[in-house]
Amino acid sequence: MISDEELLNQITDGYALSFGKPSMTVHARHSFATRYHQENNDVPKLKIQLGHNSVQTTMIYTHLTNAEMKEALNRMDS
């Protein structure tokens, strides 16, 4: 029996390929993780959402935006 995650990956990949695009499931996971982290700033809950065993793995999927980096630098100047 196929898992919900595998089914979703197959549907997403099939949709992307129908438009001549490569698999996008990894990109979607990175986008989701980055956005979730921006909105909630709760890595332990994000770890559970992504099904990871460690926070270190989860942090690989989160990325700072240019705006966030600029904001952090501006706070240092204050």
PDB file of N, CA and C in Angstrom:
ATOM      1  N   MET A   1       0.843  -1.180   0.000  1.00  0.00           N
ATOM      2  CA  MET A   1       0.000   0.000   0.000  1.00  0.00           C
ATOM      3  C   MET A   1       0.890   1.245   0.000  1.00  0.00           C
ATOM      4  N   ILE A   2       0.525   2.211  -0.780  1.00  0.00           N
ATOM      5  CA  ILE A   2       1.305   3.443  -0.903  1.00  0.00           C
ATOM      6  C   ILE A   2       0.892   4.421   0.207  1.00  0.00           C
ATOM      7  N   SER A   3       1.875   5.111   0.774  1.00  0.00           N
ATOM      8  CA  SER A   3       1.583   6.073   1.842  1.00  0.00           C
ATOM      9  C   SER A   3       1.028   7.356   1.234  1.00  0.00           C
ATOM     10  N   ASP A   4       0.391   8.155   2.077  1.00  0.00           N
ATOM     11  CA  ASP A   4      -0.138   9.440   1.621  1.00  0.00           C
ATOM     12  C   ASP A   4       0.974  10.326   1.073  1.00  0.00           C
ATOM     13  N   GLU A   5       2.123  10.307   1.742  1.00  0.00           N
ATOM     14  CA  GLU A   5       3.252  11.130   1.301  1.00  0.00           C
ATOM     15  C   GLU A   5       3.749  10.684  -0.070  1.00  0.00           C
ATOM     16  N   GLU A   6       3.865   9.377  -0.276  1.00  0.00           N
ATOM     17  CA  GLU A   6       4.314   8.868  -1.575  1.00  0.00           C
ATOM     18  C   GLU A   6       3.315   9.214  -2.671  1.00  0.00           C
ATOM     19  N   LEU A   7       2.032   9.104  -2.364  1.00  0.00           N
ATOM     20  CA  LEU A   7       0.996   9.443  -3.340  1.00  0.00           C
ATOM     21  C   LEU A   7       1.069  10.924  -3.700  1.00  0.00           C
ATOM     22  N   LEU A   8       1.205  11.768  -2.694  1.00  0.00           N
ATOM     23  CA  LEU A   8       1.314  13.205  -2.944  1.00  0.00           C
ATOM     24  C   LEU A   8       2.544  13.514  -3.785  1.00  0.00           C
ATOM     25  N   ASN A   9       3.666  12.862  -3.486  1.00  0.00           N
ATOM     26  CA  ASN A   9       4.883  13.062  -4.282  1.00  0.00           C
ATOM     27  C   ASN A   9       4.670  12.650  -5.732  1.00  0.00           C
ATOM     28  N   GLN A  10       4.010  11.522  -5.957  1.00  0.00           N
ATOM     29  CA  GLN A  10       3.752  11.056  -7.323  1.00  0.00           C
ATOM     30  C   GLN A  10       2.857  12.035  -8.075  1.00  0.00           C
ATOM     31  N   ILE A  11       1.829  12.528  -7.411  1.00  0.00           N
ATOM     32  CA  ILE A  11       0.912  13.481  -8.050  1.00  0.00           C
ATOM     33  C   ILE A  11       1.649  14.776  -8.377  1.00  0.00           C
ATOM     34  N   THR A  12       2.408  15.281  -7.407  1.00  0.00           N
ATOM     35  CA  THR A  12       3.148  16.529  -7.602  1.00  0.00           C
ATOM     36  C   THR A  12       4.181  16.391  -8.710  1.00  0.00           C
ATOM     37  N   ASP A  13       4.930  15.294  -8.692  1.00  0.00           N
ATOM     38  CA  ASP A  13       5.936  15.074  -9.729  1.00  0.00           C
ATOM     39  C   ASP A  13       5.294  14.919 -11.099  1.00  0.00           C
ATOM     40  N   GLY A  14       4.190  14.195 -11.167  1.00  0.00           N
ATOM     41  CA  GLY A  14       3.487  14.018 -12.433  1.00  0.00           C
ATOM     42  C   GLY A  14       2.989  15.337 -12.990  1.00  0.00           C
ATOM     43  N   TYR A  15       2.470  16.180 -12.115  1.00  0.00           N
ATOM     44  CA  TYR A  15       1.988  17.502 -12.514  1.00  0.00           C
ATOM     45  C   TYR A  15       3.143  18.341 -13.056  1.00  0.00           C
ATOM     46  N   ALA A  16       4.262  18.350 -12.344  1.00  0.00           N
ATOM     47  CA  ALA A  16       5.429  19.126 -12.787  1.00  0.00           C
ATOM     48  C   ALA A  16       5.933  18.615 -14.134  1.00  0.00           C
ATOM     49  N   LEU A  17       6.042  17.303 -14.269  1.00  0.00           N
ATOM     50  CA  LEU A  17       6.542  16.722 -15.520  1.00  0.00           C
ATOM     51  C   LEU A  17       5.624  17.021 -16.697  1.00  0.00           C
ATOM     52  N   SER A  18       4.313  17.117 -16.444  1.00  0.00           N
ATOM     53  CA  SER A  18       3.377  17.418 -17.531  1.00  0.00           C
ATOM     54  C   SER A  18       3.621  18.816 -18.101  1.00  0.00           C
ATOM     55  N   PHE A  19       4.273  19.682 -17.325  1.00  0.00           N
ATOM     56  CA  PHE A  19       4.621  21.022 -17.788  1.00  0.00           C
ATOM     57  C   PHE A  19       6.096  21.134 -18.164  1.00  0.00           C
ATOM     58  N   GLY A  20       6.756  19.960 -18.268  1.00  0.00           N
ATOM     59  CA  GLY A  20       8.155  19.955 -18.663  1.00  0.00           C
ATOM     60  C   GLY A  20       9.106  20.413 -17.573  1.00  0.00           C
ATOM     61  N   LYS A  21       8.658  20.347 -16.328  1.00  0.00           N
ATOM     62  CA  LYS A  21       9.480  20.764 -15.195  1.00  0.00           C
ATOM     63  C   LYS A  21       9.998  19.536 -14.459  1.00  0.00           C
ATOM     64  N   PRO A  22      11.145  19.656 -13.802  1.00  0.00           N
ATOM     65  CA  PRO A  22      11.666  18.516 -13.031  1.00  0.00           C
ATOM     66  C   PRO A  22      10.861  18.303 -11.752  1.00  0.00           C
ATOM     67  N   SER A  23      11.152  17.216 -11.082  1.00  0.00           N
ATOM     68  CA  SER A  23      10.506  16.927  -9.805  1.00  0.00           C
ATOM     69  C   SER A  23      10.634  18.130  -8.884  1.00  0.00           C
ATOM     70  N   MET A  24       9.546  18.475  -8.217  1.00  0.00           N
ATOM     71  CA  MET A  24       9.596  19.654  -7.360  1.00  0.00           C
ATOM     72  C   MET A  24       9.273  19.350  -5.905  1.00  0.00           C
ATOM     73  N   THR A  25       9.155  18.084  -5.538  1.00  0.00           N
ATOM     74  CA  THR A  25       8.763  17.775  -4.164  1.00  0.00           C
ATOM     75  C   THR A  25       9.803  18.244  -3.158  1.00  0.00           C
ATOM     76  N   VAL A  26      11.076  18.117  -3.477  1.00  0.00           N
ATOM     77  CA  VAL A  26      12.113  18.591  -2.555  1.00  0.00           C
ATOM     78  C   VAL A  26      12.027  20.104  -2.413  1.00  0.00           C
ATOM     79  N   HIS A  27      11.811  20.800  -3.526  1.00  0.00           N
ATOM     80  CA  HIS A  27      11.695  22.254  -3.481  1.00  0.00           C
ATOM     81  C   HIS A  27      10.483  22.669  -2.660  1.00  0.00           C
ATOM     82  N   ALA A  28       9.398  21.939  -2.807  1.00  0.00           N
ATOM     83  CA  ALA A  28       8.190  22.248  -2.044  1.00  0.00           C
ATOM     84  C   ALA A  28       8.441  22.067  -0.552  1.00  0.00           C
ATOM     85  N   ARG A  29       9.179  21.037  -0.184  1.00  0.00           N
ATOM     86  CA  ARG A  29       9.500  20.818   1.236  1.00  0.00           C
ATOM     87  C   ARG A  29      10.363  21.959   1.781  1.00  0.00           C
ATOM     88  N   HIS A  30      11.336  22.409   0.998  1.00  0.00           N
ATOM     89  CA  HIS A  30      12.177  23.529   1.432  1.00  0.00           C
ATOM     90  C   HIS A  30      11.336  24.799   1.570  1.00  0.00           C
ATOM     91  N   SER A  31      10.465  25.049   0.600  1.00  0.00           N
ATOM     92  CA  SER A  31       9.608  26.236   0.652  1.00  0.00           C
ATOM     93  C   SER A  31       8.678  26.183   1.854  1.00  0.00           C
ATOM     94  N   PHE A  32       8.063  25.025   2.076  1.00  0.00           N
ATOM     95  CA  PHE A  32       7.176  24.875   3.228  1.00  0.00           C
ATOM     96  C   PHE A  32       7.941  25.104   4.525  1.00  0.00           C
ATOM     97  N   ALA A  33       9.109  24.480   4.661  1.00  0.00           N
ATOM     98  CA  ALA A  33       9.885  24.599   5.898  1.00  0.00           C
ATOM     99  C   ALA A  33      10.308  26.043   6.147  1.00  0.00           C
ATOM    100  N   THR A  34      10.758  26.716   5.106  1.00  0.00           N
ATOM    101  CA  THR A  34      11.179  28.109   5.249  1.00  0.00           C
ATOM    102  C   THR A  34      10.008  28.979   5.667  1.00  0.00           C
ATOM    103  N   ARG A  35       8.885  28.812   4.997  1.00  0.00           N
ATOM    104  CA  ARG A  35       7.693  29.626   5.309  1.00  0.00           C
ATOM    105  C   ARG A  35       7.160  29.327   6.703  1.00  0.00           C
ATOM    106  N   TYR A  36       7.108  28.063   7.074  1.00  0.00           N
ATOM    107  CA  TYR A  36       6.635  27.672   8.404  1.00  0.00           C
ATOM    108  C   TYR A  36       7.533  28.290   9.471  1.00  0.00           C
ATOM    109  N   HIS A  37       8.839  28.235   9.252  1.00  0.00           N
ATOM    110  CA  HIS A  37       9.786  28.801  10.211  1.00  0.00           C
ATOM    111  C   HIS A  37       9.611  30.313  10.320  1.00  0.00           C
ATOM    112  N   GLN A  38       9.392  30.991   9.196  1.00  0.00           N
ATOM    113  CA  GLN A  38       9.178  32.438   9.207  1.00  0.00           C
ATOM    114  C   GLN A  38       7.924  32.801   9.995  1.00  0.00           C
ATOM    115  N   GLU A  39       6.865  32.059   9.788  1.00  0.00           N
ATOM    116  CA  GLU A  39       5.577  32.382  10.405  1.00  0.00           C
ATOM    117  C   GLU A  39       5.483  31.956  11.863  1.00  0.00           C
ATOM    118  N   ASN A  40       6.113  30.840  12.221  1.00  0.00           N
ATOM    119  CA  ASN A  40       5.918  30.267  13.553  1.00  0.00           C
ATOM    120  C   ASN A  40       7.159  30.266  14.434  1.00  0.00           C
ATOM    121  N   ASN A  41       8.332  30.296  13.837  1.00  0.00           N
ATOM    122  CA  ASN A  41       9.596  30.244  14.579  1.00  0.00           C
ATOM    123  C   ASN A  41       9.583  29.126  15.625  1.00  0.00           C
ATOM    124  N   ASP A  42       9.105  27.958  15.216  1.00  0.00           N
ATOM    125  CA  ASP A  42       8.979  26.816  16.130  1.00  0.00           C
ATOM    126  C   ASP A  42       9.560  25.577  15.459  1.00  0.00           C
ATOM    127  N   VAL A  43      10.865  25.407  15.584  1.00  0.00           N
ATOM    128  CA  VAL A  43      11.558  24.311  14.906  1.00  0.00           C
ATOM    129  C   VAL A  43      11.116  22.939  15.412  1.00  0.00           C
ATOM    130  N   PRO A  44      10.907  22.744  16.730  1.00  0.00           N
ATOM    131  CA  PRO A  44      10.460  21.413  17.178  1.00  0.00           C
ATOM    132  C   PRO A  44       9.138  20.975  16.524  1.00  0.00           C
ATOM    133  N   LYS A  45       8.199  21.895  16.372  1.00  0.00           N
ATOM    134  CA  LYS A  45       6.933  21.537  15.707  1.00  0.00           C
ATOM    135  C   LYS A  45       7.151  21.304  14.216  1.00  0.00           C
ATOM    136  N   LEU A  46       8.013  22.100  13.611  1.00  0.00           N
ATOM    137  CA  LEU A  46       8.327  21.910  12.194  1.00  0.00           C
ATOM    138  C   LEU A  46       8.970  20.552  11.978  1.00  0.00           C
ATOM    139  N   LYS A  47       9.839  20.150  12.882  1.00  0.00           N
ATOM    140  CA  LYS A  47      10.486  18.829  12.811  1.00  0.00           C
ATOM    141  C   LYS A  47       9.430  17.734  12.739  1.00  0.00           C
ATOM    142  N   ILE A  48       8.403  17.861  13.555  1.00  0.00           N
ATOM    143  CA  ILE A  48       7.316  16.875  13.563  1.00  0.00           C
ATOM    144  C   ILE A  48       6.543  16.935  12.246  1.00  0.00           C
ATOM    145  N   GLN A  49       6.243  18.148  11.770  1.00  0.00           N
ATOM    146  CA  GLN A  49       5.505  18.312  10.510  1.00  0.00           C
ATOM    147  C   GLN A  49       6.230  17.646   9.346  1.00  0.00           C
ATOM    148  N   LEU A  50       7.558  17.757   9.332  1.00  0.00           N
ATOM    149  CA  LEU A  50       8.341  17.190   8.231  1.00  0.00           C
ATOM    150  C   LEU A  50       8.679  15.721   8.440  1.00  0.00           C
ATOM    151  N   GLY A  51       8.404  15.208   9.635  1.00  0.00           N
ATOM    152  CA  GLY A  51       8.664  13.798   9.908  1.00  0.00           C
ATOM    153  C   GLY A  51      10.129  13.480  10.134  1.00  0.00           C
ATOM    154  N   HIS A  52      10.882  14.472  10.597  1.00  0.00           N
ATOM    155  CA  HIS A  52      12.308  14.265  10.841  1.00  0.00           C
ATOM    156  C   HIS A  52      12.556  13.719  12.239  1.00  0.00           C
ATOM    157  N   ASN A  53      13.680  13.035  12.395  1.00  0.00           N
ATOM    158  CA  ASN A  53      14.088  12.525  13.701  1.00  0.00           C
ATOM    159  C   ASN A  53      14.929  13.530  14.472  1.00  0.00           C
ATOM    160  N   SER A  54      15.547  14.473  13.758  1.00  0.00           N
ATOM    161  CA  SER A  54      16.409  15.431  14.448  1.00  0.00           C
ATOM    162  C   SER A  54      16.160  16.851  13.944  1.00  0.00           C
ATOM    163  N   VAL A  55      16.368  17.804  14.843  1.00  0.00           N
ATOM    164  CA  VAL A  55      16.240  19.216  14.495  1.00  0.00           C
ATOM    165  C   VAL A  55      17.309  19.601  13.470  1.00  0.00           C
ATOM    166  N   GLN A  56      18.464  18.962  13.541  1.00  0.00           N
ATOM    167  CA  GLN A  56      19.542  19.271  12.592  1.00  0.00           C
ATOM    168  C   GLN A  56      19.097  19.005  11.153  1.00  0.00           C
ATOM    169  N   THR A  57      18.377  17.919  10.947  1.00  0.00           N
ATOM    170  CA  THR A  57      17.861  17.626   9.605  1.00  0.00           C
ATOM    171  C   THR A  57      16.854  18.686   9.189  1.00  0.00           C
ATOM    172  N   THR A  58      15.980  19.067  10.103  1.00  0.00           N
ATOM    173  CA  THR A  58      14.968  20.077   9.810  1.00  0.00           C
ATOM    174  C   THR A  58      15.611  21.396   9.406  1.00  0.00           C
ATOM    175  N   MET A  59      16.679  21.780  10.078  1.00  0.00           N
ATOM    176  CA  MET A  59      17.324  23.058   9.793  1.00  0.00           C
ATOM    177  C   MET A  59      17.923  23.104   8.390  1.00  0.00           C
ATOM    178  N   ILE A  60      18.215  21.953   7.806  1.00  0.00           N
ATOM    179  CA  ILE A  60      18.694  21.908   6.421  1.00  0.00           C
ATOM    180  C   ILE A  60      17.620  22.445   5.476  1.00  0.00           C
ATOM    181  N   TYR A  61      16.366  22.272   5.841  1.00  0.00           N
ATOM    182  CA  TYR A  61      15.247  22.658   4.985  1.00  0.00           C
ATOM    183  C   TYR A  61      14.806  24.106   5.167  1.00  0.00           C
ATOM    184  N   THR A  62      15.292  24.779   6.207  1.00  0.00           N
ATOM    185  CA  THR A  62      14.900  26.171   6.436  1.00  0.00           C
ATOM    186  C   THR A  62      15.971  27.097   5.892  1.00  0.00           C
ATOM    187  N   HIS A  63      15.555  28.208   5.347  1.00  0.00           N
ATOM    188  CA  HIS A  63      16.480  29.163   4.742  1.00  0.00           C
ATOM    189  C   HIS A  63      16.086  30.574   5.153  1.00  0.00           C
ATOM    190  N   LEU A  64      17.078  31.415   5.366  1.00  0.00           N
ATOM    191  CA  LEU A  64      16.822  32.822   5.627  1.00  0.00           C
ATOM    192  C   LEU A  64      16.644  33.544   4.301  1.00  0.00           C
ATOM    193  N   THR A  65      15.686  34.444   4.263  1.00  0.00           N
ATOM    194  CA  THR A  65      15.503  35.255   3.067  1.00  0.00           C
ATOM    195  C   THR A  65      16.451  36.448   3.137  1.00  0.00           C
ATOM    196  N   ASN A  66      16.654  37.098   2.012  1.00  0.00           N
ATOM    197  CA  ASN A  66      17.486  38.303   1.986  1.00  0.00           C
ATOM    198  C   ASN A  66      16.913  39.369   2.909  1.00  0.00           C
ATOM    199  N   ALA A  67      15.591  39.494   2.934  1.00  0.00           N
ATOM    200  CA  ALA A  67      14.943  40.486   3.797  1.00  0.00           C
ATOM    201  C   ALA A  67      15.215  40.190   5.270  1.00  0.00           C
ATOM    202  N   GLU A  68      15.189  38.921   5.652  1.00  0.00           N
ATOM    203  CA  GLU A  68      15.466  38.557   7.044  1.00  0.00           C
ATOM    204  C   GLU A  68      16.910  38.869   7.417  1.00  0.00           C
ATOM    205  N   MET A  69      17.832  38.607   6.516  1.00  0.00           N
ATOM    206  CA  MET A  69      19.237  38.900   6.797  1.00  0.00           C
ATOM    207  C   MET A  69      19.458  40.411   6.919  1.00  0.00           C
ATOM    208  N   LYS A  70      18.812  41.178   6.035  1.00  0.00           N
ATOM    209  CA  LYS A  70      18.928  42.637   6.084  1.00  0.00           C
ATOM    210  C   LYS A  70      18.337  43.165   7.385  1.00  0.00           C
ATOM    211  N   GLU A  71      17.194  42.638   7.783  1.00  0.00           N
ATOM    212  CA  GLU A  71      16.548  43.058   9.030  1.00  0.00           C
ATOM    213  C   GLU A  71      17.452  42.778  10.231  1.00  0.00           C
ATOM    214  N   ALA A  72      18.100  41.628  10.254  1.00  0.00           N
ATOM    215  CA  ALA A  72      19.005  41.282  11.355  1.00  0.00           C
ATOM    216  C   ALA A  72      20.178  42.260  11.412  1.00  0.00           C
ATOM    217  N   LEU A  73      20.723  42.621  10.258  1.00  0.00           N
ATOM    218  CA  LEU A  73      21.822  43.587  10.224  1.00  0.00           C
ATOM    219  C   LEU A  73      21.360  44.963  10.680  1.00  0.00           C
ATOM    220  N   ASN A  74      20.156  45.350  10.275  1.00  0.00           N
ATOM    221  CA  ASN A  74      19.617  46.647  10.688  1.00  0.00           C
ATOM    222  C   ASN A  74      19.416  46.704  12.197  1.00  0.00           C
ATOM    223  N   ARG A  75      19.008  45.600  12.809  1.00  0.00           N
ATOM    224  CA  ARG A  75      18.838  45.570  14.266  1.00  0.00           C
ATOM    225  C   ARG A  75      20.182  45.771  14.958  1.00  0.00           C
ATOM    226  N   MET A  76      21.248  45.278  14.361  1.00  0.00           N
ATOM    227  CA  MET A  76      22.581  45.458  14.948  1.00  0.00           C
ATOM    228  C   MET A  76      22.992  46.929  14.932  1.00  0.00           C
ATOM    229  N   ASP A  77      22.544  47.667  13.918  1.00  0.00           N
ATOM    230  CA  ASP A  77      22.885  49.084  13.798  1.00  0.00           C
ATOM    231  C   ASP A  77      22.088  49.953  14.762  1.00  0.00           C
ATOM    232  N   SER A  78      21.011  49.425  15.305  1.00  0.00           N
ATOM    233  CA  SER A  78      20.139  50.219  16.193  1.00  0.00           C
ATOM    234  C   SER A  78      20.736  50.385  17.561  1.00  0.00           C
TER     235      SER A  78
END
